[in-house]
């Protein structure tokens, strides 16, 4: 099955810093919520199929425990978080990340009694907390790695020899 990504910000093969941040923030968010028993039920479904990366809407709805039309409705309400891929025939394909966000939304709405608007605010604040944790723990290490690589590149450029008389690069002679 060929999956076409309809979101232009995620079409690149290499992960951008925003994607790395998003994944790290999401992992922090999941680790925060793993202590909730209602959230663990959905995680057990995903753990039974660890190699499965994509789920059709029916499988995703079983994992989350809601009907398919509810997932479709939540896609419109939670556009920032639920963004399944689509095949050429426009079938929705959920990634594990989408299923986990749907589990979180279900937990907020059904288990904790939030309205959809309240769930949006709570989800936003949970993601903000996870982003702050990412900025305090992971971002500095990434930045340090970038600085080290830039220093290495600077040393390499400084050591590079170019013969201005022949205008030839000695490495390619």
C-alpha atoms as a PDB file:
ATOM      1  CA  UNK A   1       0.000   0.000   0.000  1.00  0.00           C
ATOM      2  CA  UNK A   2       1.431   3.341  -1.037  1.00  0.00           C
ATOM      3  CA  UNK A   3       0.913   6.042   1.538  1.00  0.00           C
ATOM      4  CA  UNK A   4       0.908   9.629   0.406  1.00  0.00           C
ATOM      5  CA  UNK A   5       1.617  12.251   3.000  1.00  0.00           C
ATOM      6  CA  UNK A   6      -0.794  15.143   2.553  1.00  0.00           C
ATOM      7  CA  UNK A   7       0.960  17.383   5.051  1.00  0.00           C
ATOM      8  CA  UNK A   8       3.678  19.394   3.289  1.00  0.00           C
ATOM      9  CA  UNK A   9       5.596  20.063   6.481  1.00  0.00           C
ATOM     10  CA  UNK A  10       6.364  16.346   6.894  1.00  0.00           C
ATOM     11  CA  UNK A  11       7.186  15.297   3.308  1.00  0.00           C
ATOM     12  CA  UNK A  12      10.985  15.462   3.700  1.00  0.00           C
ATOM     13  CA  UNK A  13      12.963  12.248   4.341  1.00  0.00           C
ATOM     14  CA  UNK A  14      15.260  13.906   6.907  1.00  0.00           C
ATOM     15  CA  UNK A  15      13.740  15.079  10.134  1.00  0.00           C
ATOM     16  CA  UNK A  16      13.820  18.775  10.731  1.00  0.00           C
ATOM     17  CA  UNK A  17      14.545  20.204  14.166  1.00  0.00           C
ATOM     18  CA  UNK A  18      10.812  20.893  14.541  1.00  0.00           C
ATOM     19  CA  UNK A  19      10.036  17.227  13.889  1.00  0.00           C
ATOM     20  CA  UNK A  20      12.696  16.111  16.353  1.00  0.00           C
ATOM     21  CA  UNK A  21      11.246  18.515  18.913  1.00  0.00           C
ATOM     22  CA  UNK A  22       7.711  17.327  18.189  1.00  0.00           C
ATOM     23  CA  UNK A  23       8.681  13.669  18.618  1.00  0.00           C
ATOM     24  CA  UNK A  24      10.582  14.386  21.831  1.00  0.00           C
ATOM     25  CA  UNK A  25       7.717  16.441  23.233  1.00  0.00           C
ATOM     26  CA  UNK A  26       5.293  13.663  22.365  1.00  0.00           C
ATOM     27  CA  UNK A  27       7.469  11.035  24.082  1.00  0.00           C
ATOM     28  CA  UNK A  28       7.605  13.222  27.190  1.00  0.00           C
ATOM     29  CA  UNK A  29       3.833  13.604  27.071  1.00  0.00           C
ATOM     30  CA  UNK A  30       3.303   9.845  26.809  1.00  0.00           C
ATOM     31  CA  UNK A  31       5.699   9.187  29.694  1.00  0.00           C
ATOM     32  CA  UNK A  32       3.707  11.633  31.828  1.00  0.00           C
ATOM     33  CA  UNK A  33       0.415   9.917  30.978  1.00  0.00           C
ATOM     34  CA  UNK A  34       1.538   6.286  31.230  1.00  0.00           C
ATOM     35  CA  UNK A  35       0.639   6.329  34.907  1.00  0.00           C
ATOM     36  CA  UNK A  36      -3.064   6.807  34.061  1.00  0.00           C
ATOM     37  CA  UNK A  37      -4.785   3.362  34.026  1.00  0.00           C
ATOM     38  CA  UNK A  38      -7.339   4.407  31.369  1.00  0.00           C
ATOM     39  CA  UNK A  39      -4.527   5.484  29.053  1.00  0.00           C
ATOM     40  CA  UNK A  40      -2.639   2.211  29.614  1.00  0.00           C
ATOM     41  CA  UNK A  41      -5.531   0.173  28.154  1.00  0.00           C
ATOM     42  CA  UNK A  42      -4.980   1.723  24.711  1.00  0.00           C
ATOM     43  CA  UNK A  43      -1.216   1.372  25.026  1.00  0.00           C
ATOM     44  CA  UNK A  44      -1.671  -2.374  25.567  1.00  0.00           C
ATOM     45  CA  UNK A  45      -3.349  -2.632  22.150  1.00  0.00           C
ATOM     46  CA  UNK A  46      -0.391  -0.911  20.529  1.00  0.00           C
ATOM     47  CA  UNK A  47       2.104  -3.038  22.466  1.00  0.00           C
ATOM     48  CA  UNK A  48       0.551  -6.233  21.060  1.00  0.00           C
ATOM     49  CA  UNK A  49       1.524  -5.050  17.549  1.00  0.00           C
ATOM     50  CA  UNK A  50       4.913  -3.365  18.053  1.00  0.00           C
ATOM     51  CA  UNK A  51       5.982  -3.743  14.414  1.00  0.00           C
ATOM     52  CA  UNK A  52       2.779  -2.234  13.044  1.00  0.00           C
ATOM     53  CA  UNK A  53       3.451   1.411  12.231  1.00  0.00           C
ATOM     54  CA  UNK A  54       0.210   2.351  10.473  1.00  0.00           C
ATOM     55  CA  UNK A  55      -3.437   1.635  11.231  1.00  0.00           C
ATOM     56  CA  UNK A  56      -6.527   1.963   9.070  1.00  0.00           C
ATOM     57  CA  UNK A  57      -9.313   3.937  10.670  1.00  0.00           C
ATOM     58  CA  UNK A  58     -11.121   0.771  11.827  1.00  0.00           C
ATOM     59  CA  UNK A  59      -8.036  -0.521  13.625  1.00  0.00           C
ATOM     60  CA  UNK A  60      -7.373   2.898  15.114  1.00  0.00           C
ATOM     61  CA  UNK A  61     -10.941   3.131  16.375  1.00  0.00           C
ATOM     62  CA  UNK A  62     -10.585  -0.303  18.029  1.00  0.00           C
ATOM     63  CA  UNK A  63      -7.330   0.779  19.664  1.00  0.00           C
ATOM     64  CA  UNK A  64      -8.890   3.969  20.975  1.00  0.00           C
ATOM     65  CA  UNK A  65     -12.259   2.422  21.816  1.00  0.00           C
ATOM     66  CA  UNK A  66     -14.468   4.854  19.895  1.00  0.00           C
ATOM     67  CA  UNK A  67     -16.415   4.672  16.645  1.00  0.00           C
ATOM     68  CA  UNK A  68     -14.799   5.764  13.385  1.00  0.00           C
ATOM     69  CA  UNK A  69     -17.050   8.805  12.959  1.00  0.00           C
ATOM     70  CA  UNK A  70     -15.808  10.132  16.297  1.00  0.00           C
ATOM     71  CA  UNK A  71     -12.194   9.892  15.128  1.00  0.00           C
ATOM     72  CA  UNK A  72     -13.148  11.771  11.960  1.00  0.00           C
ATOM     73  CA  UNK A  73     -14.873  14.441  14.033  1.00  0.00           C
ATOM     74  CA  UNK A  74     -11.886  14.765  16.359  1.00  0.00           C
ATOM     75  CA  UNK A  75      -9.640  15.261  13.317  1.00  0.00           C
ATOM     76  CA  UNK A  76     -11.530  18.470  12.619  1.00  0.00           C
ATOM     77  CA  UNK A  77     -11.575  19.589  16.232  1.00  0.00           C
ATOM     78  CA  UNK A  78      -7.970  18.716  17.091  1.00  0.00           C
ATOM     79  CA  UNK A  79      -6.244  19.579  13.795  1.00  0.00           C
ATOM     80  CA  UNK A  80      -2.953  20.321  15.512  1.00  0.00           C
ATOM     81  CA  UNK A  81      -2.686  16.827  16.990  1.00  0.00           C
ATOM     82  CA  UNK A  82      -4.696  14.380  14.855  1.00  0.00           C
ATOM     83  CA  UNK A  83      -3.377  14.419  11.295  1.00  0.00           C
ATOM     84  CA  UNK A  84      -3.600  10.968   9.727  1.00  0.00           C
ATOM     85  CA  UNK A  85      -1.956  10.298   6.396  1.00  0.00           C
ATOM     86  CA  UNK A  86      -4.089   9.465   3.380  1.00  0.00           C
ATOM     87  CA  UNK A  87      -3.622   6.881   0.656  1.00  0.00           C
ATOM     88  CA  UNK A  88      -4.205   7.668  -3.018  1.00  0.00           C
ATOM     89  CA  UNK A  89      -7.770   6.481  -2.553  1.00  0.00           C
ATOM     90  CA  UNK A  90      -8.117   8.953   0.366  1.00  0.00           C
ATOM     91  CA  UNK A  91      -8.292   6.276   3.072  1.00  0.00           C
ATOM     92  CA  UNK A  92      -7.091   7.520   6.424  1.00  0.00           C
ATOM     93  CA  UNK A  93      -3.936   5.896   7.756  1.00  0.00           C
ATOM     94  CA  UNK A  94      -3.166   6.611  11.410  1.00  0.00           C
ATOM     95  CA  UNK A  95       0.385   6.514  12.757  1.00  0.00           C
ATOM     96  CA  UNK A  96       1.033   5.360  16.315  1.00  0.00           C
ATOM     97  CA  UNK A  97       1.434   9.004  17.250  1.00  0.00           C
ATOM     98  CA  UNK A  98      -2.071   9.786  15.939  1.00  0.00           C
ATOM     99  CA  UNK A  99      -3.546   6.833  17.832  1.00  0.00           C
ATOM    100  CA  UNK A 100      -1.837   7.928  21.046  1.00  0.00           C
ATOM    101  CA  UNK A 101      -3.151  11.466  20.676  1.00  0.00           C
ATOM    102  CA  UNK A 102      -6.641  10.041  20.079  1.00  0.00           C
ATOM    103  CA  UNK A 103      -6.238   7.967  23.261  1.00  0.00           C
ATOM    104  CA  UNK A 104      -5.276  11.089  25.135  1.00  0.00           C
ATOM    105  CA  UNK A 105      -8.265  13.002  23.751  1.00  0.00           C
ATOM    106  CA  UNK A 106     -10.580  10.129  24.691  1.00  0.00           C
ATOM    107  CA  UNK A 107      -9.123  10.107  28.189  1.00  0.00           C
ATOM    108  CA  UNK A 108      -9.697  13.828  28.593  1.00  0.00           C
ATOM    109  CA  UNK A 109     -13.242  13.797  27.178  1.00  0.00           C
ATOM    110  CA  UNK A 110     -14.658  10.480  28.383  1.00  0.00           C
ATOM    111  CA  UNK A 111     -12.705   9.632  31.537  1.00  0.00           C
ATOM    112  CA  UNK A 112     -12.018  13.069  32.977  1.00  0.00           C
ATOM    113  CA  UNK A 113     -15.221  14.768  31.747  1.00  0.00           C
ATOM    114  CA  UNK A 114     -13.695  17.652  29.778  1.00  0.00           C
ATOM    115  CA  UNK A 115     -15.707  19.365  27.066  1.00  0.00           C
ATOM    116  CA  UNK A 116     -14.024  19.418  23.657  1.00  0.00           C
ATOM    117  CA  UNK A 117     -13.002  23.030  24.215  1.00  0.00           C
ATOM    118  CA  UNK A 118     -11.669  22.179  27.678  1.00  0.00           C
ATOM    119  CA  UNK A 119      -9.840  19.157  26.257  1.00  0.00           C
ATOM    120  CA  UNK A 120      -8.184  21.398  23.644  1.00  0.00           C
ATOM    121  CA  UNK A 121      -6.951  23.735  26.375  1.00  0.00           C
ATOM    122  CA  UNK A 122      -5.783  20.892  28.616  1.00  0.00           C
ATOM    123  CA  UNK A 123      -4.026  19.144  25.727  1.00  0.00           C
ATOM    124  CA  UNK A 124      -2.357  22.403  24.784  1.00  0.00           C
ATOM    125  CA  UNK A 125      -1.151  22.925  28.358  1.00  0.00           C
ATOM    126  CA  UNK A 126       0.106  19.322  28.591  1.00  0.00           C
ATOM    127  CA  UNK A 127       2.023  19.760  25.353  1.00  0.00           C
ATOM    128  CA  UNK A 128       3.391  23.091  26.607  1.00  0.00           C
ATOM    129  CA  UNK A 129       4.637  21.401  29.794  1.00  0.00           C
ATOM    130  CA  UNK A 130       6.257  18.657  27.729  1.00  0.00           C
ATOM    131  CA  UNK A 131       7.856  21.311  25.483  1.00  0.00           C
ATOM    132  CA  UNK A 132       9.287  23.099  28.501  1.00  0.00           C
ATOM    133  CA  UNK A 133      10.734  19.801  29.721  1.00  0.00           C
ATOM    134  CA  UNK A 134      12.205  19.233  26.238  1.00  0.00           C
ATOM    135  CA  UNK A 135      13.757  22.692  26.205  1.00  0.00           C
ATOM    136  CA  UNK A 136      15.335  22.137  29.604  1.00  0.00           C
ATOM    137  CA  UNK A 137      16.678  18.641  28.972  1.00  0.00           C
ATOM    138  CA  UNK A 138      17.041  17.704  25.315  1.00  0.00           C
ATOM    139  CA  UNK A 139      17.434  20.979  23.423  1.00  0.00           C
ATOM    140  CA  UNK A 140      20.736  21.966  25.064  1.00  0.00           C
ATOM    141  CA  UNK A 141      22.339  18.656  24.071  1.00  0.00           C
ATOM    142  CA  UNK A 142      21.224  19.102  20.459  1.00  0.00           C
ATOM    143  CA  UNK A 143      22.525  22.658  20.479  1.00  0.00           C
ATOM    144  CA  UNK A 144      25.842  21.528  21.966  1.00  0.00           C
ATOM    145  CA  UNK A 145      26.152  18.917  19.214  1.00  0.00           C
ATOM    146  CA  UNK A 146      25.503  21.573  16.550  1.00  0.00           C
ATOM    147  CA  UNK A 147      28.137  23.870  18.074  1.00  0.00           C
ATOM    148  CA  UNK A 148      30.709  21.034  18.137  1.00  0.00           C
ATOM    149  CA  UNK A 149      30.012  20.188  14.497  1.00  0.00           C
ATOM    150  CA  UNK A 150      30.299  23.844  13.489  1.00  0.00           C
ATOM    151  CA  UNK A 151      33.644  24.053  15.299  1.00  0.00           C
ATOM    152  CA  UNK A 152      34.838  20.955  13.454  1.00  0.00           C
ATOM    153  CA  UNK A 153      33.715  22.454  10.151  1.00  0.00           C
ATOM    154  CA  UNK A 154      35.529  25.716  10.949  1.00  0.00           C
ATOM    155  CA  UNK A 155      38.752  23.810  11.702  1.00  0.00           C
ATOM    156  CA  UNK A 156      38.381  21.861   8.465  1.00  0.00           C
ATOM    157  CA  UNK A 157      37.867  25.052   6.432  1.00  0.00           C
ATOM    158  CA  UNK A 158      40.846  26.723   8.143  1.00  0.00           C
ATOM    159  CA  UNK A 159      43.094  23.740   7.355  1.00  0.00           C
ATOM    160  CA  UNK A 160      41.951  23.510   3.753  1.00  0.00           C
ATOM    161  CA  UNK A 161      44.701  24.365   1.291  1.00  0.00           C
ATOM    162  CA  UNK A 162      43.976  26.084  -1.957  1.00  0.00           C
ATOM    163  CA  UNK A 163      46.694  27.053  -4.398  1.00  0.00           C
ATOM    164  CA  UNK A 164      45.748  30.552  -5.647  1.00  0.00           C
ATOM    165  CA  UNK A 165      48.443  30.509  -8.384  1.00  0.00           C
ATOM    166  CA  UNK A 166      47.105  27.459 -10.203  1.00  0.00           C
ATOM    167  CA  UNK A 167      43.524  27.943  -9.005  1.00  0.00           C
ATOM    168  CA  UNK A 168      43.403  24.205  -8.512  1.00  0.00           C
ATOM    169  CA  UNK A 169      42.262  22.255  -5.571  1.00  0.00           C
ATOM    170  CA  UNK A 170      45.108  19.963  -4.390  1.00  0.00           C
ATOM    171  CA  UNK A 171      42.584  17.366  -3.299  1.00  0.00           C
ATOM    172  CA  UNK A 172      41.435  16.884  -6.889  1.00  0.00           C
ATOM    173  CA  UNK A 173      44.815  17.067  -8.693  1.00  0.00           C
END
